[in-house]
């Protein structure tokens, strides 16, 4: 019986539900950006330029990240977890397989990478 009032409340707050989902998505993107830039986490920025930033030195080792918003989330996840599955000669370490990033951190990083056009 409690489901009916909860359902009615959810329907009456139809606008609030997507906003809260969006807010949690924004938090995940911010966390992913931190992982991307933090040396003792992903430190992706040490090899990859992204979001229009040009890097000199170590940041030019990997490819410039563009168009990732069009990539499927699973493809990004798999690339971070173990890039050797799609590119056996990749210089990128397997962040998930090696345990450097946990599943939540990989999901946050994927959320951030999906913002890169």
C-alpha atoms as a PDB file:
ATOM      1  CA  UNK A   1       0.000   0.000   0.000  1.00  0.00           C
ATOM      2  CA  UNK A   2       2.873   2.412   0.619  1.00  0.00           C
ATOM      3  CA  UNK A   3       3.935   2.158  -3.022  1.00  0.00           C
ATOM      4  CA  UNK A   4       0.929   4.097  -4.274  1.00  0.00           C
ATOM      5  CA  UNK A   5       1.651   7.262  -2.208  1.00  0.00           C
ATOM      6  CA  UNK A   6       5.351   7.074  -3.106  1.00  0.00           C
ATOM      7  CA  UNK A   7       4.497   6.695  -6.780  1.00  0.00           C
ATOM      8  CA  UNK A   8       2.061   9.608  -6.648  1.00  0.00           C
ATOM      9  CA  UNK A   9       4.675  11.730  -4.899  1.00  0.00           C
ATOM     10  CA  UNK A  10       7.248  10.831  -7.543  1.00  0.00           C
ATOM     11  CA  UNK A  11       4.803  11.693 -10.322  1.00  0.00           C
ATOM     12  CA  UNK A  12       3.900  15.011  -8.699  1.00  0.00           C
ATOM     13  CA  UNK A  13       7.611  15.846  -8.400  1.00  0.00           C
ATOM     14  CA  UNK A  14       8.387  14.776 -11.949  1.00  0.00           C
ATOM     15  CA  UNK A  15      10.635  17.770 -12.507  1.00  0.00           C
ATOM     16  CA  UNK A  16      12.605  17.273  -9.279  1.00  0.00           C
ATOM     17  CA  UNK A  17      13.576  13.702 -10.074  1.00  0.00           C
ATOM     18  CA  UNK A  18      15.550  14.454 -13.282  1.00  0.00           C
ATOM     19  CA  UNK A  19      17.146  17.476 -11.607  1.00  0.00           C
ATOM     20  CA  UNK A  20      18.476  15.333  -8.759  1.00  0.00           C
ATOM     21  CA  UNK A  21      19.735  12.745 -11.256  1.00  0.00           C
ATOM     22  CA  UNK A  22      21.437  15.547 -13.197  1.00  0.00           C
ATOM     23  CA  UNK A  23      22.968  16.920 -10.001  1.00  0.00           C
ATOM     24  CA  UNK A  24      24.414  13.522  -9.099  1.00  0.00           C
ATOM     25  CA  UNK A  25      25.695  13.212 -12.685  1.00  0.00           C
ATOM     26  CA  UNK A  26      27.398  16.606 -12.364  1.00  0.00           C
ATOM     27  CA  UNK A  27      29.084  15.439  -9.151  1.00  0.00           C
ATOM     28  CA  UNK A  28      30.319  12.321 -10.952  1.00  0.00           C
ATOM     29  CA  UNK A  29      31.717  14.455 -13.794  1.00  0.00           C
ATOM     30  CA  UNK A  30      33.532  16.685 -11.278  1.00  0.00           C
ATOM     31  CA  UNK A  31      34.974  13.628  -9.547  1.00  0.00           C
ATOM     32  CA  UNK A  32      36.095  12.265 -12.911  1.00  0.00           C
ATOM     33  CA  UNK A  33      37.783  15.571 -13.785  1.00  0.00           C
ATOM     34  CA  UNK A  34      39.693  15.372 -10.507  1.00  0.00           C
ATOM     35  CA  UNK A  35      40.794  11.809 -11.252  1.00  0.00           C
ATOM     36  CA  UNK A  36      41.851  12.909 -14.753  1.00  0.00           C
ATOM     37  CA  UNK A  37      44.099  15.641 -13.320  1.00  0.00           C
ATOM     38  CA  UNK A  38      45.359  14.165 -10.032  1.00  0.00           C
ATOM     39  CA  UNK A  39      48.815  12.636 -10.076  1.00  0.00           C
ATOM     40  CA  UNK A  40      48.179   9.822  -7.593  1.00  0.00           C
ATOM     41  CA  UNK A  41      44.848   8.834  -9.184  1.00  0.00           C
ATOM     42  CA  UNK A  42      44.348   8.564 -12.952  1.00  0.00           C
ATOM     43  CA  UNK A  43      46.824  11.289 -13.889  1.00  0.00           C
ATOM     44  CA  UNK A  44      45.486  11.097 -17.450  1.00  0.00           C
ATOM     45  CA  UNK A  45      46.594  14.664 -18.080  1.00  0.00           C
ATOM     46  CA  UNK A  46      50.212  13.543 -17.854  1.00  0.00           C
ATOM     47  CA  UNK A  47      49.749  11.841 -21.243  1.00  0.00           C
ATOM     48  CA  UNK A  48      46.593  13.317 -22.794  1.00  0.00           C
ATOM     49  CA  UNK A  49      45.523  16.811 -23.796  1.00  0.00           C
ATOM     50  CA  UNK A  50      41.764  17.309 -23.533  1.00  0.00           C
ATOM     51  CA  UNK A  51      39.025  19.929 -23.769  1.00  0.00           C
ATOM     52  CA  UNK A  52      41.050  22.186 -26.019  1.00  0.00           C
ATOM     53  CA  UNK A  53      44.075  22.403 -23.724  1.00  0.00           C
ATOM     54  CA  UNK A  54      47.442  22.041 -25.392  1.00  0.00           C
ATOM     55  CA  UNK A  55      50.173  20.388 -23.411  1.00  0.00           C
ATOM     56  CA  UNK A  56      53.924  20.456 -23.855  1.00  0.00           C
ATOM     57  CA  UNK A  57      56.121  17.649 -22.649  1.00  0.00           C
ATOM     58  CA  UNK A  58      54.737  14.501 -21.096  1.00  0.00           C
ATOM     59  CA  UNK A  59      51.118  15.399 -21.909  1.00  0.00           C
ATOM     60  CA  UNK A  60      51.791  14.866 -25.579  1.00  0.00           C
ATOM     61  CA  UNK A  61      52.691  11.170 -25.178  1.00  0.00           C
ATOM     62  CA  UNK A  62      49.141   9.886 -25.666  1.00  0.00           C
ATOM     63  CA  UNK A  63      46.636  11.004 -28.259  1.00  0.00           C
ATOM     64  CA  UNK A  64      44.749  14.273 -27.826  1.00  0.00           C
ATOM     65  CA  UNK A  65      41.328  13.343 -26.502  1.00  0.00           C
ATOM     66  CA  UNK A  66      38.542  14.636 -28.737  1.00  0.00           C
ATOM     67  CA  UNK A  67      35.094  13.422 -29.664  1.00  0.00           C
ATOM     68  CA  UNK A  68      34.713  11.198 -26.622  1.00  0.00           C
ATOM     69  CA  UNK A  69      31.142  12.370 -26.086  1.00  0.00           C
ATOM     70  CA  UNK A  70      30.247  10.181 -29.082  1.00  0.00           C
ATOM     71  CA  UNK A  71      31.963   7.072 -27.702  1.00  0.00           C
ATOM     72  CA  UNK A  72      29.833   4.397 -26.006  1.00  0.00           C
ATOM     73  CA  UNK A  73      30.326   4.372 -22.235  1.00  0.00           C
ATOM     74  CA  UNK A  74      31.287   0.691 -22.302  1.00  0.00           C
ATOM     75  CA  UNK A  75      34.060   1.342 -24.819  1.00  0.00           C
ATOM     76  CA  UNK A  76      35.500   4.109 -22.623  1.00  0.00           C
ATOM     77  CA  UNK A  77      35.183   1.914 -19.534  1.00  0.00           C
ATOM     78  CA  UNK A  78      36.928  -1.006 -21.222  1.00  0.00           C
ATOM     79  CA  UNK A  79      39.709   1.252 -22.525  1.00  0.00           C
ATOM     80  CA  UNK A  80      40.412   2.520 -18.989  1.00  0.00           C
ATOM     81  CA  UNK A  81      40.007  -0.869 -17.324  1.00  0.00           C
ATOM     82  CA  UNK A  82      42.389  -2.661 -19.705  1.00  0.00           C
ATOM     83  CA  UNK A  83      43.451  -0.903 -22.922  1.00  0.00           C
ATOM     84  CA  UNK A  84      45.354  -3.990 -24.085  1.00  0.00           C
ATOM     85  CA  UNK A  85      42.097  -5.745 -24.988  1.00  0.00           C
ATOM     86  CA  UNK A  86      41.648  -3.402 -27.963  1.00  0.00           C
ATOM     87  CA  UNK A  87      45.263  -2.322 -28.479  1.00  0.00           C
ATOM     88  CA  UNK A  88      47.890  -4.883 -27.427  1.00  0.00           C
ATOM     89  CA  UNK A  89      50.742  -2.391 -27.892  1.00  0.00           C
ATOM     90  CA  UNK A  90      49.146   0.448 -25.910  1.00  0.00           C
ATOM     91  CA  UNK A  91      51.435   2.483 -23.666  1.00  0.00           C
ATOM     92  CA  UNK A  92      48.469   3.223 -21.399  1.00  0.00           C
ATOM     93  CA  UNK A  93      48.424   1.187 -18.192  1.00  0.00           C
ATOM     94  CA  UNK A  94      45.387  -0.950 -17.321  1.00  0.00           C
ATOM     95  CA  UNK A  95      44.024   1.228 -14.500  1.00  0.00           C
ATOM     96  CA  UNK A  96      41.194  -1.120 -13.520  1.00  0.00           C
ATOM     97  CA  UNK A  97      42.918  -4.445 -14.085  1.00  0.00           C
ATOM     98  CA  UNK A  98      45.901  -3.306 -12.000  1.00  0.00           C
ATOM     99  CA  UNK A  99      43.613  -2.005  -9.258  1.00  0.00           C
ATOM    100  CA  UNK A 100      44.803   1.609  -9.539  1.00  0.00           C
ATOM    101  CA  UNK A 101      41.215   2.767  -9.991  1.00  0.00           C
ATOM    102  CA  UNK A 102      38.155   1.071  -8.528  1.00  0.00           C
ATOM    103  CA  UNK A 103      34.885   0.643 -10.410  1.00  0.00           C
ATOM    104  CA  UNK A 104      33.347   3.866  -9.050  1.00  0.00           C
ATOM    105  CA  UNK A 105      36.426   5.879 -10.031  1.00  0.00           C
ATOM    106  CA  UNK A 106      36.345   4.413 -13.534  1.00  0.00           C
ATOM    107  CA  UNK A 107      32.645   5.321 -13.836  1.00  0.00           C
ATOM    108  CA  UNK A 108      33.442   8.878 -12.704  1.00  0.00           C
ATOM    109  CA  UNK A 109      36.252   9.119 -15.230  1.00  0.00           C
ATOM    110  CA  UNK A 110      33.941   7.837 -17.976  1.00  0.00           C
ATOM    111  CA  UNK A 111      31.351  10.484 -16.994  1.00  0.00           C
ATOM    112  CA  UNK A 112      34.036  13.164 -17.342  1.00  0.00           C
ATOM    113  CA  UNK A 113      35.372  11.790 -20.615  1.00  0.00           C
ATOM    114  CA  UNK A 114      31.837  11.844 -22.068  1.00  0.00           C
ATOM    115  CA  UNK A 115      31.966  15.669 -21.706  1.00  0.00           C
ATOM    116  CA  UNK A 116      34.909  15.903 -24.111  1.00  0.00           C
ATOM    117  CA  UNK A 117      33.826  16.945 -27.608  1.00  0.00           C
END
